[in-house]
C-alpha atoms as a PDB file:
ATOM      1  CA  UNK A   1      -9.930 -19.197 -38.903  1.00  0.00           C
ATOM      2  CA  UNK A   2     -11.305 -16.608 -41.243  1.00  0.00           C
ATOM      3  CA  UNK A   3      -9.469 -13.626 -42.636  1.00  0.00           C
ATOM      4  CA  UNK A   4     -11.012 -11.172 -40.863  1.00  0.00           C
ATOM      5  CA  UNK A   5      -9.477  -8.800 -38.264  1.00  0.00           C
ATOM      6  CA  UNK A   6     -10.826 -10.448 -35.272  1.00  0.00           C
ATOM      7  CA  UNK A   7      -9.592 -13.815 -36.214  1.00  0.00           C
ATOM      8  CA  UNK A   8      -6.453 -12.557 -36.472  1.00  0.00           C
ATOM      9  CA  UNK A   9      -6.404 -11.783 -32.210  1.00  0.00           C
ATOM     10  CA  UNK A  10      -3.751 -13.644 -30.272  1.00  0.00           C
ATOM     11  CA  UNK A  11      -2.256 -14.170 -27.137  1.00  0.00           C
ATOM     12  CA  UNK A  12       1.437 -12.288 -26.970  1.00  0.00           C
ATOM     13  CA  UNK A  13       3.936 -14.864 -25.627  1.00  0.00           C
ATOM     14  CA  UNK A  14       7.405 -14.378 -24.544  1.00  0.00           C
ATOM     15  CA  UNK A  15       7.228 -10.724 -24.064  1.00  0.00           C
ATOM     16  CA  UNK A  16       9.564  -8.922 -21.915  1.00  0.00           C
ATOM     17  CA  UNK A  17       8.856  -5.018 -20.548  1.00  0.00           C
ATOM     18  CA  UNK A  18      11.770  -2.929 -20.048  1.00  0.00           C
ATOM     19  CA  UNK A  19      14.016  -0.168 -20.830  1.00  0.00           C
ATOM     20  CA  UNK A  20      10.636   2.013 -21.120  1.00  0.00           C
ATOM     21  CA  UNK A  21      11.132   6.033 -20.775  1.00  0.00           C
ATOM     22  CA  UNK A  22       7.934   7.420 -19.623  1.00  0.00           C
ATOM     23  CA  UNK A  23       6.623  10.651 -18.912  1.00  0.00           C
ATOM     24  CA  UNK A  24       3.732  10.997 -16.448  1.00  0.00           C
ATOM     25  CA  UNK A  25       1.775  14.097 -16.691  1.00  0.00           C
ATOM     26  CA  UNK A  26      -1.257  15.790 -14.717  1.00  0.00           C
ATOM     27  CA  UNK A  27      -2.689  18.060 -12.238  1.00  0.00           C
ATOM     28  CA  UNK A  28      -1.571  17.198  -8.316  1.00  0.00           C
ATOM     29  CA  UNK A  29      -3.066  14.641  -6.816  1.00  0.00           C
ATOM     30  CA  UNK A  30      -4.369  12.805  -9.638  1.00  0.00           C
ATOM     31  CA  UNK A  31      -2.806   9.365  -9.202  1.00  0.00           C
ATOM     32  CA  UNK A  32       0.652   9.789 -10.963  1.00  0.00           C
ATOM     33  CA  UNK A  33       3.152   8.997  -8.027  1.00  0.00           C
ATOM     34  CA  UNK A  34       0.713   5.752  -7.421  1.00  0.00           C
ATOM     35  CA  UNK A  35       0.639   4.683 -10.995  1.00  0.00           C
ATOM     36  CA  UNK A  36       4.391   5.068 -11.256  1.00  0.00           C
ATOM     37  CA  UNK A  37       5.122   2.659  -8.110  1.00  0.00           C
ATOM     38  CA  UNK A  38       3.073  -0.238  -9.946  1.00  0.00           C
ATOM     39  CA  UNK A  39       6.439  -0.435 -12.538  1.00  0.00           C
ATOM     40  CA  UNK A  40       8.910  -3.016 -11.464  1.00  0.00           C
ATOM     41  CA  UNK A  41      10.806  -3.443  -8.106  1.00  0.00           C
ATOM     42  CA  UNK A  42      13.021  -2.115  -6.745  1.00  0.00           C
ATOM     43  CA  UNK A  43      12.024   1.417  -7.364  1.00  0.00           C
ATOM     44  CA  UNK A  44      13.581   4.768  -6.574  1.00  0.00           C
ATOM     45  CA  UNK A  45      11.615   7.853  -6.349  1.00  0.00           C
ATOM     46  CA  UNK A  46      13.531  11.375  -6.449  1.00  0.00           C
ATOM     47  CA  UNK A  47      11.615  13.531  -4.732  1.00  0.00           C
ATOM     48  CA  UNK A  48      11.642  17.319  -5.739  1.00  0.00           C
ATOM     49  CA  UNK A  49       8.508  17.481  -3.188  1.00  0.00           C
ATOM     50  CA  UNK A  50       7.222  14.545  -0.945  1.00  0.00           C
ATOM     51  CA  UNK A  51       4.216  13.378  -3.065  1.00  0.00           C
ATOM     52  CA  UNK A  52       4.764  10.253  -1.755  1.00  0.00           C
ATOM     53  CA  UNK A  53       1.267   9.880   0.832  1.00  0.00           C
ATOM     54  CA  UNK A  54      -0.285   7.362  -1.400  1.00  0.00           C
ATOM     55  CA  UNK A  55       2.253   5.095  -1.578  1.00  0.00           C
ATOM     56  CA  UNK A  56       3.478   4.614   1.888  1.00  0.00           C
ATOM     57  CA  UNK A  57       4.663   1.182   2.337  1.00  0.00           C
ATOM     58  CA  UNK A  58       4.597   0.052  -0.722  1.00  0.00           C
ATOM     59  CA  UNK A  59       6.932  -3.071  -0.968  1.00  0.00           C
ATOM     60  CA  UNK A  60      10.395  -2.340  -3.068  1.00  0.00           C
ATOM     61  CA  UNK A  61      10.034   1.405  -3.041  1.00  0.00           C
ATOM     62  CA  UNK A  62      12.361   3.836  -1.820  1.00  0.00           C
ATOM     63  CA  UNK A  63      12.469   7.451  -1.851  1.00  0.00           C
ATOM     64  CA  UNK A  64      15.058  10.060  -1.411  1.00  0.00           C
ATOM     65  CA  UNK A  65      14.307  13.939  -1.111  1.00  0.00           C
ATOM     66  CA  UNK A  66      16.466  15.985  -2.817  1.00  0.00           C
ATOM     67  CA  UNK A  67      17.813  19.561  -0.813  1.00  0.00           C
ATOM     68  CA  UNK A  68      19.153  20.957  -3.898  1.00  0.00           C
ATOM     69  CA  UNK A  69      18.929  20.345  -7.744  1.00  0.00           C
ATOM     70  CA  UNK A  70      22.706  19.108  -7.790  1.00  0.00           C
ATOM     71  CA  UNK A  71      21.843  16.030  -5.748  1.00  0.00           C
ATOM     72  CA  UNK A  72      20.376  14.245  -8.812  1.00  0.00           C
ATOM     73  CA  UNK A  73      23.638  13.463 -10.206  1.00  0.00           C
ATOM     74  CA  UNK A  74      25.316  11.740  -7.218  1.00  0.00           C
ATOM     75  CA  UNK A  75      22.217   9.832  -7.238  1.00  0.00           C
ATOM     76  CA  UNK A  76      22.902   8.915 -11.078  1.00  0.00           C
ATOM     77  CA  UNK A  77      26.154   7.643 -10.189  1.00  0.00           C
ATOM     78  CA  UNK A  78      24.522   5.336  -8.389  1.00  0.00           C
ATOM     79  CA  UNK A  79      21.851   3.851 -11.325  1.00  0.00           C
ATOM     80  CA  UNK A  80      24.811   1.849 -12.971  1.00  0.00           C
ATOM     81  CA  UNK A  81      25.245  -0.201 -10.157  1.00  0.00           C
ATOM     82  CA  UNK A  82      21.546  -2.042 -10.710  1.00  0.00           C
ATOM     83  CA  UNK A  83      19.932  -1.465  -7.585  1.00  0.00           C
ATOM     84  CA  UNK A  84      16.796  -0.486  -9.212  1.00  0.00           C
ATOM     85  CA  UNK A  85      14.312  -1.790 -12.044  1.00  0.00           C
ATOM     86  CA  UNK A  86      12.979   1.572 -12.091  1.00  0.00           C
ATOM     87  CA  UNK A  87      13.767   5.229 -11.159  1.00  0.00           C
ATOM     88  CA  UNK A  88      11.132   8.042 -10.863  1.00  0.00           C
ATOM     89  CA  UNK A  89      11.617  11.242 -10.670  1.00  0.00           C
ATOM     90  CA  UNK A  90       8.734  12.876  -9.050  1.00  0.00           C
ATOM     91  CA  UNK A  91       8.697  15.810 -10.247  1.00  0.00           C
ATOM     92  CA  UNK A  92      10.380  17.585 -12.887  1.00  0.00           C
ATOM     93  CA  UNK A  93       7.972  20.908 -12.526  1.00  0.00           C
ATOM     94  CA  UNK A  94       9.065  20.907  -8.883  1.00  0.00           C
ATOM     95  CA  UNK A  95      12.526  20.358  -9.884  1.00  0.00           C
ATOM     96  CA  UNK A  96      12.772  23.558 -12.226  1.00  0.00           C
ATOM     97  CA  UNK A  97      11.325  25.309  -9.563  1.00  0.00           C
ATOM     98  CA  UNK A  98      14.057  24.536  -7.101  1.00  0.00           C
ATOM     99  CA  UNK A  99      16.611  25.283  -9.922  1.00  0.00           C
ATOM    100  CA  UNK A 100      14.881  28.285 -10.271  1.00  0.00           C
ATOM    101  CA  UNK A 101      15.017  29.390  -6.622  1.00  0.00           C
ATOM    102  CA  UNK A 102      18.802  28.218  -6.436  1.00  0.00           C
ATOM    103  CA  UNK A 103      20.076  30.409  -9.188  1.00  0.00           C
ATOM    104  CA  UNK A 104      17.629  33.237  -8.390  1.00  0.00           C
ATOM    105  CA  UNK A 105      19.513  33.484  -4.555  1.00  0.00           C
ATOM    106  CA  UNK A 106      23.159  32.937  -6.665  1.00  0.00           C
ATOM    107  CA  UNK A 107      22.241  36.496  -8.228  1.00  0.00           C
ATOM    108  CA  UNK A 108      22.108  37.941  -4.792  1.00  0.00           C
ATOM    109  CA  UNK A 109      18.189  38.210  -5.307  1.00  0.00           C
ATOM    110  CA  UNK A 110      17.281  36.014  -2.445  1.00  0.00           C
ATOM    111  CA  UNK A 111      14.956  38.858  -0.606  1.00  0.00           C
ATOM    112  CA  UNK A 112      13.314  39.822  -3.938  1.00  0.00           C
ATOM    113  CA  UNK A 113      10.240  37.935  -5.256  1.00  0.00           C
ATOM    114  CA  UNK A 114      10.734  35.977  -8.007  1.00  0.00           C
ATOM    115  CA  UNK A 115       8.793  37.127 -11.037  1.00  0.00           C
ATOM    116  CA  UNK A 116       5.390  35.159 -11.570  1.00  0.00           C
ATOM    117  CA  UNK A 117       5.635  35.570 -15.318  1.00  0.00           C
ATOM    118  CA  UNK A 118       7.221  33.886 -17.960  1.00  0.00           C
ATOM    119  CA  UNK A 119      10.309  35.712 -18.937  1.00  0.00           C
ATOM    120  CA  UNK A 120       9.539  36.313 -22.389  1.00  0.00           C
ATOM    121  CA  UNK A 121       7.088  38.275 -20.860  1.00  0.00           C
ATOM    122  CA  UNK A 122       9.214  40.113 -18.264  1.00  0.00           C
ATOM    123  CA  UNK A 123      11.310  42.336 -19.236  1.00  0.00           C
ATOM    124  CA  UNK A 124      14.127  41.852 -16.347  1.00  0.00           C
ATOM    125  CA  UNK A 125      17.364  40.495 -17.371  1.00  0.00           C
ATOM    126  CA  UNK A 126      18.366  38.455 -14.243  1.00  0.00           C
ATOM    127  CA  UNK A 127      15.426  36.545 -14.844  1.00  0.00           C
ATOM    128  CA  UNK A 128      15.732  35.967 -18.275  1.00  0.00           C
ATOM    129  CA  UNK A 129      19.127  34.366 -17.294  1.00  0.00           C
ATOM    130  CA  UNK A 130      17.841  32.305 -14.624  1.00  0.00           C
ATOM    131  CA  UNK A 131      15.551  31.156 -17.032  1.00  0.00           C
ATOM    132  CA  UNK A 132      17.655  30.268 -19.883  1.00  0.00           C
ATOM    133  CA  UNK A 133      20.180  28.405 -17.339  1.00  0.00           C
ATOM    134  CA  UNK A 134      17.325  26.326 -15.825  1.00  0.00           C
ATOM    135  CA  UNK A 135      16.437  25.587 -18.701  1.00  0.00           C
ATOM    136  CA  UNK A 136      19.881  24.474 -19.651  1.00  0.00           C
ATOM    137  CA  UNK A 137      20.719  22.892 -16.173  1.00  0.00           C
ATOM    138  CA  UNK A 138      17.365  20.685 -16.481  1.00  0.00           C
ATOM    139  CA  UNK A 139      17.933  19.876 -20.179  1.00  0.00           C
ATOM    140  CA  UNK A 140      21.360  18.375 -18.991  1.00  0.00           C
ATOM    141  CA  UNK A 141      19.908  16.766 -16.027  1.00  0.00           C
ATOM    142  CA  UNK A 142      17.222  15.191 -17.551  1.00  0.00           C
ATOM    143  CA  UNK A 143      19.128  13.822 -21.110  1.00  0.00           C
ATOM    144  CA  UNK A 144      21.479  11.670 -18.188  1.00  0.00           C
ATOM    145  CA  UNK A 145      18.419  10.381 -16.407  1.00  0.00           C
ATOM    146  CA  UNK A 146      16.772   9.287 -20.025  1.00  0.00           C
ATOM    147  CA  UNK A 147      20.073   7.608 -21.446  1.00  0.00           C
ATOM    148  CA  UNK A 148      20.425   5.163 -19.072  1.00  0.00           C
ATOM    149  CA  UNK A 149      17.508   2.762 -20.308  1.00  0.00           C
ATOM    150  CA  UNK A 150      19.767   2.694 -23.743  1.00  0.00           C
ATOM    151  CA  UNK A 151      22.418   0.117 -22.193  1.00  0.00           C
ATOM    152  CA  UNK A 152      20.726  -1.093 -19.379  1.00  0.00           C
ATOM    153  CA  UNK A 153      17.190  -2.932 -18.049  1.00  0.00           C
ATOM    154  CA  UNK A 154      16.006   0.118 -16.510  1.00  0.00           C
ATOM    155  CA  UNK A 155      12.723   1.854 -16.620  1.00  0.00           C
ATOM    156  CA  UNK A 156      12.784   5.588 -16.136  1.00  0.00           C
ATOM    157  CA  UNK A 157       9.860   7.861 -15.463  1.00  0.00           C
ATOM    158  CA  UNK A 158       9.652  11.480 -15.020  1.00  0.00           C
ATOM    159  CA  UNK A 159       6.640  13.088 -13.440  1.00  0.00           C
ATOM    160  CA  UNK A 160       5.659  16.697 -14.206  1.00  0.00           C
ATOM    161  CA  UNK A 161       2.424  18.353 -13.698  1.00  0.00           C
ATOM    162  CA  UNK A 162       0.888  22.182 -14.439  1.00  0.00           C
ATOM    163  CA  UNK A 163       3.184  25.045 -13.563  1.00  0.00           C
ATOM    164  CA  UNK A 164       1.946  27.816 -11.308  1.00  0.00           C
ATOM    165  CA  UNK A 165       4.892  29.835 -11.776  1.00  0.00           C
ATOM    166  CA  UNK A 166       5.139  30.884  -8.424  1.00  0.00           C
ATOM    167  CA  UNK A 167       8.552  29.659  -6.957  1.00  0.00           C
ATOM    168  CA  UNK A 168       8.946  28.584  -3.189  1.00  0.00           C
ATOM    169  CA  UNK A 169      12.628  29.114  -2.060  1.00  0.00           C
ATOM    170  CA  UNK A 170      12.153  27.814   1.252  1.00  0.00           C
END
């Protein structure tokens, strides 16, 4: 063998893929969930929306639809039991929207439209407070999920997409 770069190409041996933390970002309907479902099974999709049409019937994949954002913590308590090899949050953007709608309602503003502008462009104090609290809540929630691969064989994927900043509190 020579000393060139092509002469140094060789097969990998004894590799193990695990403990991955992956962020998948893209436009809606571009295959993010389908790609996530190629990860090791059993696999859990935690859905802040039901974007599972493309993976229905995939062996080893389970799905739970969140009704409120705090339910992720109940699910997180089950993760250490080793039930899943991969956990997918689908999707982070919609989880944020869910939390914004919850906080908006808690402020007694359910009947009032949620602003479509980011808070730094909007002078409403209630909107800024909701945005700041949402940011804190999601940081805490995601850090719990993303810490799991540190001490167990678990792959974690967080799917997100472009935000339209129009929120549905339905």
